[in-house]
Protein backbone atom coordinates (compact mmCIF):
# COMPACT_ATOMS: atom_id res chain seq x y z
CA MET A 1 -12.97 0.38 21.13
CA ARG A 2 -13.26 -3.39 21.58
CA THR A 3 -16.84 -3.35 20.30
CA ALA A 4 -19.42 -0.75 19.33
CA ASP A 5 -22.14 -3.13 20.47
CA ALA A 6 -22.16 -2.01 24.11
CA GLU A 7 -23.91 0.66 26.19
CA SER A 8 -20.55 2.07 27.26
CA THR A 9 -19.99 3.21 23.66
CA GLN A 10 -22.32 6.12 24.46
CA SER A 11 -19.61 7.57 26.69
CA LEU A 12 -17.49 8.13 23.56
CA ALA A 13 -20.13 10.18 21.80
CA GLY A 14 -18.42 13.11 20.06
CA TYR A 15 -15.09 11.29 19.83
CA ALA A 16 -13.67 9.63 16.76
CA TYR A 17 -12.84 5.99 17.47
CA ARG A 18 -12.37 2.69 15.71
CA ALA A 19 -14.45 -0.31 16.83
CA LEU A 20 -12.81 -3.71 16.40
CA ASP A 21 -16.00 -5.69 15.68
CA GLU A 22 -14.58 -6.90 12.38
CA VAL A 23 -11.91 -8.79 14.33
CA TYR A 24 -14.70 -10.90 15.87
CA GLU A 25 -15.88 -11.95 12.42
CA ARG A 26 -12.49 -13.27 11.28
CA SER A 27 -11.53 -15.06 14.50
CA ARG A 28 -12.21 -18.78 14.78
CA ASN A 29 -12.56 -18.93 18.56
CA PHE A 30 -12.19 -16.73 21.61
CA ASP A 31 -8.54 -17.60 22.18
CA THR A 32 -7.76 -16.47 18.63
CA LEU A 33 -10.02 -13.44 19.05
CA ASN A 34 -8.12 -12.13 22.06
CA LYS A 35 -4.78 -12.64 20.33
CA ASN A 36 -6.05 -10.83 17.24
CA LEU A 37 -7.46 -7.96 19.29
CA ALA A 38 -4.16 -7.53 21.11
CA ALA A 39 -2.28 -7.62 17.80
CA GLU A 40 -4.49 -4.86 16.34
CA VAL A 41 -3.86 -2.61 19.35
CA LEU A 42 -0.11 -3.29 19.46
CA ASN A 43 0.29 -2.66 15.71
CA ALA A 44 -1.57 0.65 16.04
CA ALA A 45 0.66 1.58 19.00
CA LYS A 46 3.74 1.34 16.76
CA LYS A 47 2.52 4.45 14.92
CA SER A 48 1.10 6.56 17.75
CA ASP A 49 -0.28 6.51 21.27
CA VAL A 50 -3.38 4.35 21.60
CA CYS A 51 -6.24 4.37 24.08
CA TYR A 52 -7.93 0.95 24.05
CA CYS A 53 -11.40 0.92 25.65
CA VAL A 54 -13.12 -2.21 27.01
CA ASP A 55 -16.13 -2.81 29.23
CA GLY A 56 -15.47 -3.42 32.92
CA ALA A 57 -12.05 -3.97 34.45
CA VAL A 58 -8.79 -4.54 32.60
CA CYS A 59 -8.12 -7.63 34.71
CA GLU A 60 -11.26 -9.24 33.22
CA ASP A 61 -10.23 -8.73 29.58
CA GLU A 62 -7.92 -11.36 28.07
CA ALA A 63 -6.72 -9.12 25.23
CA CYS A 64 -5.73 -6.46 27.77
CA LYS A 65 -3.73 -9.05 29.69
CA ILE A 66 -1.77 -9.91 26.54
CA ILE A 67 -1.08 -6.23 25.89
CA LEU A 68 0.09 -5.61 29.48
CA ARG A 69 2.44 -8.61 29.34
CA LYS A 70 4.13 -7.22 26.23
CA HIS A 71 4.14 -3.53 27.22
CA LYS A 72 4.98 -2.71 30.83
CA ASP A 73 4.68 1.04 30.14
CA CYS A 74 0.91 0.93 29.56
CA GLU A 75 -1.21 3.21 31.75
CA VAL A 76 -4.33 1.55 33.15
CA LEU A 77 -7.45 3.65 33.76
CA GLU A 78 -9.60 1.24 35.71
CA SER A 79 -13.39 1.06 35.82
CA VAL A 80 -15.94 -0.96 37.81
CA SER A 81 -15.46 -4.62 36.97
CA LYS A 82 -18.31 -6.75 35.65
CA SER A 83 -17.91 -9.14 38.56
CA SER A 84 -17.99 -6.35 41.15
CA HIS A 85 -21.10 -4.92 39.51
CA ALA A 86 -22.80 -8.33 39.68
CA TYR A 87 -21.72 -8.81 43.30
CA ASN A 88 -22.93 -5.41 44.43
CA THR A 89 -26.19 -5.52 42.46
CA SER A 90 -26.99 -8.96 43.89
CA ARG A 91 -26.21 -7.83 47.45
CA LEU A 92 -24.09 -10.86 48.23
CA THR A 93 -22.75 -10.89 51.80
CA GLY A 94 -19.82 -13.31 51.59
CA SER A 95 -16.25 -12.00 51.57
CA GLU A 96 -14.79 -14.98 49.66
CA VAL A 97 -15.94 -14.63 46.05
CA THR A 98 -14.44 -16.24 42.96
CA CYS A 99 -14.91 -14.26 39.74
CA VAL A 100 -14.65 -15.75 36.26
CA SER A 101 -15.73 -15.08 32.70
CA ALA A 102 -18.43 -17.36 31.34
CA TYR A 103 -15.99 -18.25 28.58
CA SER A 104 -13.59 -19.67 31.19
CA VAL A 105 -16.21 -21.16 33.51
CA GLU A 106 -14.79 -24.67 33.02
CA ASN A 107 -11.87 -23.53 35.21
CA LEU A 108 -14.17 -22.63 38.12
CA LYS A 109 -13.62 -24.85 41.17
CA SER A 110 -15.50 -25.32 44.41
CA CYS A 111 -15.86 -22.01 46.22
CA ARG A 112 -17.94 -20.16 48.82
CA ALA A 113 -19.45 -17.76 46.28
CA ALA A 114 -19.00 -16.94 42.61
CA THR A 115 -19.82 -14.28 40.06
CA VAL A 116 -19.75 -15.26 36.39
CA TYR A 117 -19.87 -12.49 33.79
CA ASP A 118 -19.98 -12.36 29.95
CA ILE A 119 -23.12 -14.53 29.75
CA ASP A 120 -23.99 -13.08 26.36
CA CYS A 121 -26.07 -15.87 24.78
CA GLU A 122 -28.28 -18.84 25.64
CA TYR A 123 -25.57 -21.40 24.79
CA ILE A 124 -23.04 -19.82 27.16
CA ALA A 125 -25.77 -19.55 29.80
CA GLY A 126 -26.22 -23.33 29.46
CA THR A 127 -22.53 -24.08 30.05
CA VAL A 128 -22.54 -21.78 33.10
CA LYS A 129 -25.66 -23.53 34.40
CA GLU A 130 -24.00 -26.95 34.14
CA LYS A 131 -20.89 -25.81 36.01
CA LEU A 132 -22.74 -23.97 38.78
CA SER A 133 -25.15 -26.90 39.16
CA TYR A 134 -22.18 -29.19 39.73
CA ILE A 135 -20.71 -26.90 42.40
CA PHE A 136 -23.76 -25.45 44.12
CA GLY A 137 -26.68 -27.67 43.03
CA GLU A 138 -29.22 -26.84 40.33
CA GLU A 139 -31.92 -25.99 42.90
CA SER A 140 -29.75 -23.36 44.59
CA THR A 141 -30.81 -19.71 44.34
CA CYS A 142 -28.74 -17.32 42.24
CA PHE A 143 -29.07 -13.74 41.00
CA PHE A 144 -29.25 -13.05 37.27
CA VAL A 145 -27.91 -9.58 36.47
CA ARG A 146 -28.54 -7.73 33.20
CA GLY A 147 -27.41 -4.13 33.16
CA GLU A 148 -28.88 -2.50 36.27
CA SER A 149 -31.61 -5.10 36.76
CA VAL A 150 -31.32 -8.20 38.93
CA LYS A 151 -33.62 -11.21 39.18
CA LYS A 152 -33.65 -14.00 41.77
CA ILE A 153 -33.85 -17.40 40.04
CA LYS A 154 -32.78 -21.03 40.45
CA ILE A 155 -29.53 -22.10 38.81
CA TYR A 156 -31.38 -24.49 36.49
CA GLU A 157 -33.23 -21.46 35.06
CA LEU A 158 -30.06 -19.70 33.88
CA ASP A 159 -30.50 -20.65 30.22
CA ARG A 160 -34.26 -19.91 30.24
CA GLN A 161 -34.08 -16.11 30.35
CA LYS A 162 -35.56 -13.92 27.60
CA ASP A 163 -32.54 -11.84 26.63
CA TYR A 164 -28.75 -12.07 26.93
CA ASP A 165 -26.05 -9.49 26.19
CA GLY A 166 -22.55 -8.53 27.27
CA THR A 167 -23.84 -7.07 30.57
CA CYS A 168 -25.38 -10.36 31.77
CA ALA A 169 -23.84 -12.04 34.79
CA VAL A 170 -24.83 -14.37 37.61
CA ALA A 171 -23.96 -14.27 41.29
CA VAL A 172 -24.39 -17.23 43.64
CA GLN A 173 -23.47 -17.91 47.25
CA GLU A 174 -23.43 -21.29 48.96
CA ARG A 175 -25.99 -22.03 51.66
CA GLU A 176 -25.26 -22.86 55.29
CA PHE A 177 -23.10 -25.96 55.63
CA LEU A 178 -25.88 -28.31 56.74
CA LYS A 179 -28.30 -26.97 54.08
CA LYS A 180 -26.04 -27.06 51.03
CA GLU A 181 -27.25 -28.72 47.83
CA ARG A 182 -23.81 -30.08 46.89
CA TYR A 183 -20.72 -31.10 48.87
CA ASP A 184 -17.11 -31.81 47.87
CA PHE A 185 -14.09 -33.57 49.40
CA GLU A 186 -13.21 -30.54 51.53
CA ASP A 187 -16.75 -30.51 52.90
CA LEU A 188 -16.40 -34.20 53.76
CA GLN A 189 -13.24 -33.48 55.72
CA GLU A 190 -14.96 -30.53 57.42
CA MET A 191 -17.81 -32.85 58.47
CA ILE A 192 -15.35 -35.32 60.00
CA LYS A 193 -13.66 -32.48 61.88
CA LEU A 194 -17.04 -31.39 63.25
CA LEU A 195 -17.79 -34.95 64.38
CA ARG A 196 -14.39 -35.28 66.09
CA ALA A 197 -14.53 -31.85 67.76
CA PRO A 198 -15.53 -31.37 71.42
CA GLY A 199 -19.29 -31.77 71.55
CA GLY A 200 -19.22 -33.94 68.45
CA CYS A 201 -19.81 -37.68 68.15
CA PRO A 202 -18.25 -39.75 71.00
CA TRP A 203 -17.56 -42.68 68.64
CA ASP A 204 -15.87 -40.58 65.94
CA ARG A 205 -13.68 -38.77 68.50
CA VAL A 206 -12.04 -41.94 69.82
CA GLN A 207 -11.21 -43.53 66.45
CA THR A 208 -7.64 -43.97 65.17
CA SER A 209 -6.24 -45.11 61.85
CA GLU A 210 -5.55 -48.48 63.47
CA SER A 211 -9.08 -48.88 64.84
CA ILE A 212 -10.84 -48.26 61.51
CA LYS A 213 -8.35 -49.78 59.07
CA GLY A 214 -10.60 -52.80 58.52
CA ASN A 215 -13.46 -50.53 57.44
CA MET A 216 -11.58 -49.57 54.28
CA ILE A 217 -11.34 -53.21 53.19
CA GLU A 218 -15.01 -53.79 54.01
CA GLU A 219 -16.15 -50.71 52.08
CA ALA A 220 -13.94 -51.57 49.10
CA TYR A 221 -15.52 -55.03 48.91
CA GLU A 222 -19.01 -53.52 49.10
CA LEU A 223 -18.12 -51.23 46.18
CA VAL A 224 -16.84 -54.19 44.16
CA ASP A 225 -20.04 -56.07 44.98
CA ALA A 226 -22.14 -53.17 43.66
CA ILE A 227 -20.01 -53.08 40.49
CA GLU A 228 -20.56 -56.80 39.92
CA ARG A 229 -24.32 -56.35 40.39
CA GLY A 230 -24.32 -53.52 37.85
CA ASP A 231 -26.00 -51.39 40.53
CA ALA A 232 -25.19 -47.76 39.65
CA ASP A 233 -27.04 -46.38 42.67
CA GLY A 234 -25.19 -48.79 44.95
CA MET A 235 -21.87 -47.85 43.30
CA GLU A 236 -22.57 -44.18 44.02
CA GLU A 237 -23.24 -44.91 47.68
CA GLU A 238 -20.30 -47.27 48.16
CA THR A 239 -17.89 -44.93 46.34
CA GLY A 240 -18.88 -42.30 48.90
CA ASP A 241 -18.19 -44.75 51.74
CA VAL A 242 -14.71 -45.48 50.35
CA LEU A 243 -14.03 -41.73 50.13
CA LEU A 244 -15.24 -41.37 53.72
CA GLN A 245 -12.58 -43.80 54.90
CA ALA A 246 -9.87 -41.96 52.94
CA ALA A 247 -11.01 -38.60 54.34
CA PHE A 248 -11.16 -40.02 57.88
CA HIS A 249 -7.53 -41.13 57.72
CA ALA A 250 -6.50 -37.79 56.21
CA VAL A 251 -8.19 -35.80 59.00
CA MET A 252 -6.67 -37.95 61.75
CA SER A 253 -3.22 -37.61 60.17
CA GLU A 254 -3.68 -33.84 59.90
CA GLU A 255 -4.46 -33.76 63.63
CA LYS A 256 -1.08 -35.40 64.26
CA GLY A 257 0.72 -33.04 61.87
CA GLU A 258 1.61 -35.82 59.44
CA TYR A 259 -0.22 -35.00 56.20
CA THR A 260 -3.49 -33.45 54.99
CA GLY A 261 -6.08 -34.51 52.45
CA GLY A 262 -4.65 -31.85 50.15
CA ASP A 263 -1.18 -33.37 50.55
CA ALA A 264 -2.51 -36.80 49.62
CA LEU A 265 -4.35 -35.50 46.54
CA THR A 266 -1.33 -33.46 45.44
CA ARG A 267 0.91 -36.49 45.74
CA LEU A 268 -1.58 -38.58 43.78
CA VAL A 269 -1.82 -36.14 40.86
CA LYS A 270 1.97 -35.70 40.71
CA LYS A 271 2.34 -39.48 40.71
CA LEU A 272 -0.11 -39.80 37.81
CA ILE A 273 1.81 -37.17 35.85
CA PHE A 274 5.13 -38.92 36.50
CA ARG A 275 3.89 -42.42 35.71
CA HIS A 276 2.11 -41.34 32.52
CA SER A 277 5.32 -40.15 30.87
CA HIS A 278 3.96 -41.50 27.55
CA ILE A 279 1.37 -38.70 27.83
CA PHE A 280 3.16 -35.94 29.72
CA GLY A 281 6.79 -36.84 29.01
CA GLY A 282 9.13 -38.27 26.39
CA ASP A 283 8.09 -41.93 26.45
CA LYS A 284 5.98 -43.54 23.74
CA ALA A 285 3.19 -46.10 24.04
CA ALA A 286 1.04 -47.22 21.12
CA SER A 287 -0.97 -49.87 23.00
CA ASP A 288 -2.33 -50.60 26.46
CA THR A 289 0.45 -53.16 26.96
CA GLU A 290 3.16 -50.62 26.16
CA ALA A 291 1.43 -48.04 28.38
CA LEU A 292 1.43 -50.52 31.27
CA GLY A 293 5.13 -51.16 30.67
CA VAL A 294 5.88 -47.42 30.92
CA TRP A 295 3.79 -47.24 34.10
CA GLU A 296 5.68 -50.15 35.70
CA LYS A 297 9.08 -48.69 34.69
CA ASN A 298 8.23 -45.32 36.22
CA LYS A 299 6.77 -46.95 39.31
CA ARG A 300 10.01 -48.85 39.97
CA LYS A 301 12.02 -45.66 39.47
CA GLU A 302 9.70 -43.69 41.76
CA LYS A 303 9.91 -46.27 44.55
CA GLY A 304 13.64 -46.88 44.15
CA GLN A 305 13.15 -50.55 43.28
CA ASP A 306 16.50 -51.58 41.79
CA THR A 307 16.08 -55.36 41.91
CA TYR A 308 13.34 -57.85 41.12
CA SER A 309 13.35 -58.79 44.79
CA ASP A 310 12.46 -55.19 45.66
CA THR A 311 9.34 -55.42 43.51
CA VAL A 312 8.33 -58.76 45.04
CA LEU A 313 8.84 -57.52 48.60
CA ALA A 314 6.72 -54.45 47.79
CA VAL A 315 3.57 -56.54 47.28
CA PRO A 316 1.37 -55.73 50.32
CA LYS A 317 1.09 -58.58 52.82
CA GLY A 318 -2.44 -57.49 53.66
CA MET A 319 -3.74 -58.40 50.20
CA PRO A 320 -6.10 -61.37 49.85
CA ALA A 321 -3.83 -64.43 49.60
CA CYS A 322 -4.96 -65.43 46.09
CA MET A 323 -4.44 -61.93 44.74
CA ARG A 324 -1.06 -61.61 46.46
CA ALA A 325 0.11 -64.98 45.11
CA GLN A 326 -0.74 -63.96 41.56
CA LYS A 327 1.00 -60.60 41.92
CA VAL A 328 4.14 -62.16 43.45
CA GLY A 329 4.24 -64.78 40.68
CA LYS A 330 3.81 -62.12 38.01
CA ARG A 331 6.54 -59.86 39.39
CA SER A 332 9.05 -62.66 39.99
CA ALA A 333 8.47 -63.85 36.42
CA LYS A 334 9.70 -60.48 35.09
CA CYS A 335 13.29 -61.76 35.38
CA GLY A 336 12.47 -64.71 33.11
CA MET A 337 12.27 -67.35 35.84
CA ASP A 338 8.88 -68.86 35.08
CA PHE A 339 7.19 -71.93 33.69
CA LEU A 340 7.29 -72.26 29.91
CA SER A 341 3.50 -72.53 29.62
CA PRO A 342 0.34 -73.22 31.62
CA VAL A 343 0.81 -76.89 30.67
CA SER A 344 4.23 -77.10 32.34
CA ALA A 345 2.81 -75.19 35.35
CA SER A 346 -0.07 -77.67 35.59
CA GLU A 347 2.43 -80.55 35.65
CA LYS A 348 3.96 -78.94 38.74
CA LEU A 349 0.44 -78.63 40.17
CA VAL A 350 -0.12 -82.37 39.69
CA GLU A 351 3.17 -83.03 41.48
CA GLU A 352 2.14 -80.80 44.41
CA VAL A 353 -1.28 -82.48 44.64
CA GLY A 354 0.46 -85.84 44.93
CA GLU A 355 2.65 -84.54 47.77
CA LEU A 356 -0.46 -83.18 49.52
CA LEU A 357 -2.10 -86.59 49.18
CA GLU A 358 0.90 -88.27 50.79
CA ALA A 359 0.84 -85.76 53.64
CA CYS A 360 -2.86 -86.39 54.23
CA ILE A 361 -2.30 -90.15 54.29
CA SER A 362 0.52 -89.71 56.82
CA GLU A 363 -1.78 -87.46 58.91
CA ASN A 364 1.12 -85.06 59.42
CA LYS A 365 -0.66 -81.74 60.06
CA GLU A 366 2.44 -79.60 59.50
CA ALA A 367 3.15 -81.35 56.20
CA VAL A 368 -0.49 -81.02 55.14
CA PHE A 369 -0.38 -77.28 55.87
CA ASP A 370 2.84 -76.85 53.91
CA GLU A 371 1.78 -78.93 50.91
CA ALA A 372 -1.68 -77.31 50.81
CA GLY A 373 0.03 -73.94 50.39
CA ASP A 374 2.19 -75.33 47.58
CA VAL A 375 -0.89 -76.72 45.81
CA LEU A 376 -2.70 -73.39 45.99
CA PHE A 377 0.34 -71.42 44.84
CA SER A 378 0.89 -73.84 41.93
CA ALA A 379 -2.79 -73.51 40.98
CA VAL A 380 -2.39 -69.72 40.93
CA ASN A 381 0.69 -69.96 38.69
CA THR A 382 -1.16 -72.27 36.27
CA CYS A 383 -4.11 -69.89 36.06
CA ARG A 384 -1.85 -66.84 35.75
CA LEU A 385 -0.01 -68.31 32.77
CA ALA A 386 -3.35 -69.28 31.22
CA GLY A 387 -4.36 -65.61 31.37
CA VAL A 388 -6.90 -66.04 34.15
CA ASP A 389 -7.41 -63.56 37.00
CA CYS A 390 -7.27 -66.01 39.91
CA GLU A 391 -9.19 -63.80 42.33
CA LEU A 392 -12.06 -63.39 39.88
CA ALA A 393 -11.97 -67.05 38.90
CA LEU A 394 -12.16 -68.23 42.51
CA HIS A 395 -14.88 -65.71 43.25
CA ALA A 396 -16.89 -66.98 40.28
CA ALA A 397 -16.38 -70.59 41.39
CA VAL A 398 -17.63 -69.82 44.91
CA GLU A 399 -20.63 -67.97 43.46
CA LYS A 400 -21.40 -70.94 41.21
CA PHE A 401 -21.14 -73.38 44.10
CA THR A 402 -23.36 -71.19 46.28
CA LYS A 403 -26.12 -71.08 43.66
CA ARG A 404 -25.92 -74.83 43.12
CA PHE A 405 -25.98 -75.56 46.83
CA VAL A 406 -29.05 -73.39 47.40
CA GLU A 407 -30.82 -75.17 44.54
CA PHE A 408 -29.58 -78.56 45.81
CA GLU A 409 -31.16 -78.00 49.22
CA ARG A 410 -34.38 -76.59 47.75
CA LEU A 411 -34.87 -79.59 45.47
CA ALA A 412 -34.30 -82.04 48.32
CA LYS A 413 -36.69 -80.20 50.68
CA ASP A 414 -39.37 -79.95 48.00
CA ASN A 415 -39.12 -83.74 47.69
CA GLY A 416 -39.50 -84.19 51.46
CA GLU A 417 -35.87 -85.14 52.14
CA LYS A 418 -33.39 -83.69 54.66
CA ILE A 419 -29.93 -83.25 53.18
CA GLU A 420 -28.22 -84.08 56.50
CA GLU A 421 -29.90 -87.50 56.49
CA MET A 422 -29.22 -88.46 52.86
CA ASP A 423 -26.56 -90.93 51.75
CA PRO A 424 -23.86 -89.98 49.19
CA SER A 425 -25.83 -91.41 46.27
CA ARG A 426 -28.78 -89.09 47.00
CA TRP A 427 -26.39 -86.16 47.38
CA ASP A 428 -25.00 -86.91 43.93
CA TYR A 429 -28.51 -87.24 42.50
CA TYR A 430 -29.73 -83.89 43.77
CA TRP A 431 -26.43 -82.20 43.00
CA MET A 432 -26.73 -83.19 39.33
CA LEU A 433 -30.30 -81.89 39.29
CA ALA A 434 -29.14 -78.64 40.86
CA LYS A 435 -26.30 -78.22 38.34
CA ASN A 436 -28.70 -78.66 35.45
CA ALA A 437 -31.27 -76.30 36.99
CA VAL A 438 -28.73 -73.54 37.64
CA LYS A 439 -27.22 -73.96 34.18
CA THR A 440 -30.69 -73.74 32.58
CA ASN A 441 -31.56 -70.59 34.53
């Protein structure tokens, strides 16, 4: 008998049996426990036939699974499973139910309904509560089963019950789609499908990947803005908006038979496994720099990039120009063709500024356009070699100018002057005041 501490032991009254409770005491964790239990049964079976009794169904007992894997000739005498008992006692109505032991509840994923058994102590009840709260919402109703009794409670009350034993289980079923406490990525895709279906939203139905492609850029920038503000609530909202755009494209592609959201997520996870070969493969990386090197090596292999030109051409043309320039400069430098230092790069920048000046003096618009691009690209190379993220640096410079300009205008207005009517000397005067004020604040 797996344990004598169970009501089912009464069914063996009058029989001689050995309870394996002592195995519990010498096992460090539940993985070891199940291996030790299986070993005890298999060793006993070498001497004679053995009948191993457990509560519930064989498919719910990990030690039984080990025994069945090693001995195909075992005869299984099945009983009512703990999960079925919880389901039936709770009177759940859904046909799609996921069943899992409380000791494996971390493996539970989003589902329509779930029964979790083996809730034999307050601590385990707490871990089950956390997982079910994440999937269904802590305010959702569930049914707490203990033996033949059942009680309707909220999920957050799971670890607040008076008594726990091996018969305790919980059953929960998700609410109607529009009344659910929690939603996942599949729900998001389902919502988009509802909006694009006949009778749905006229605007959503007519959209294409081409028509909404700009929304992804806009939402990404709004998320970055929330990050820079340190606004956690804003980050939560904007992260959802970015996911909405990804789900929208996935649903529209599924409609055309191209790929699904599941395909995209599968490809992503496989890519992460492949590129992190220093974690999941044979490569080694002792620092973040070495890890990045492994990532880049695997990325080139994955994308079939055999030359440095391949990597440069792979930089997206739709990137912000400053960001693209830095990435192109960084990738082209991999072959060794680069400035020796930021100082030598800045000398090139000075040269390009001089050529831009000459073009401006000549009033040759084509030359000005060409030389302006060279100046900007040289500035990016100088910053890159100096270890500066050009996109962030330019963003910070614009933010600094904006604050100074606002203060500049405020100071002038407070002094009764209109900035559009001031001469350059007054501009300089108020600008210096604004710089000092912004720096002080």
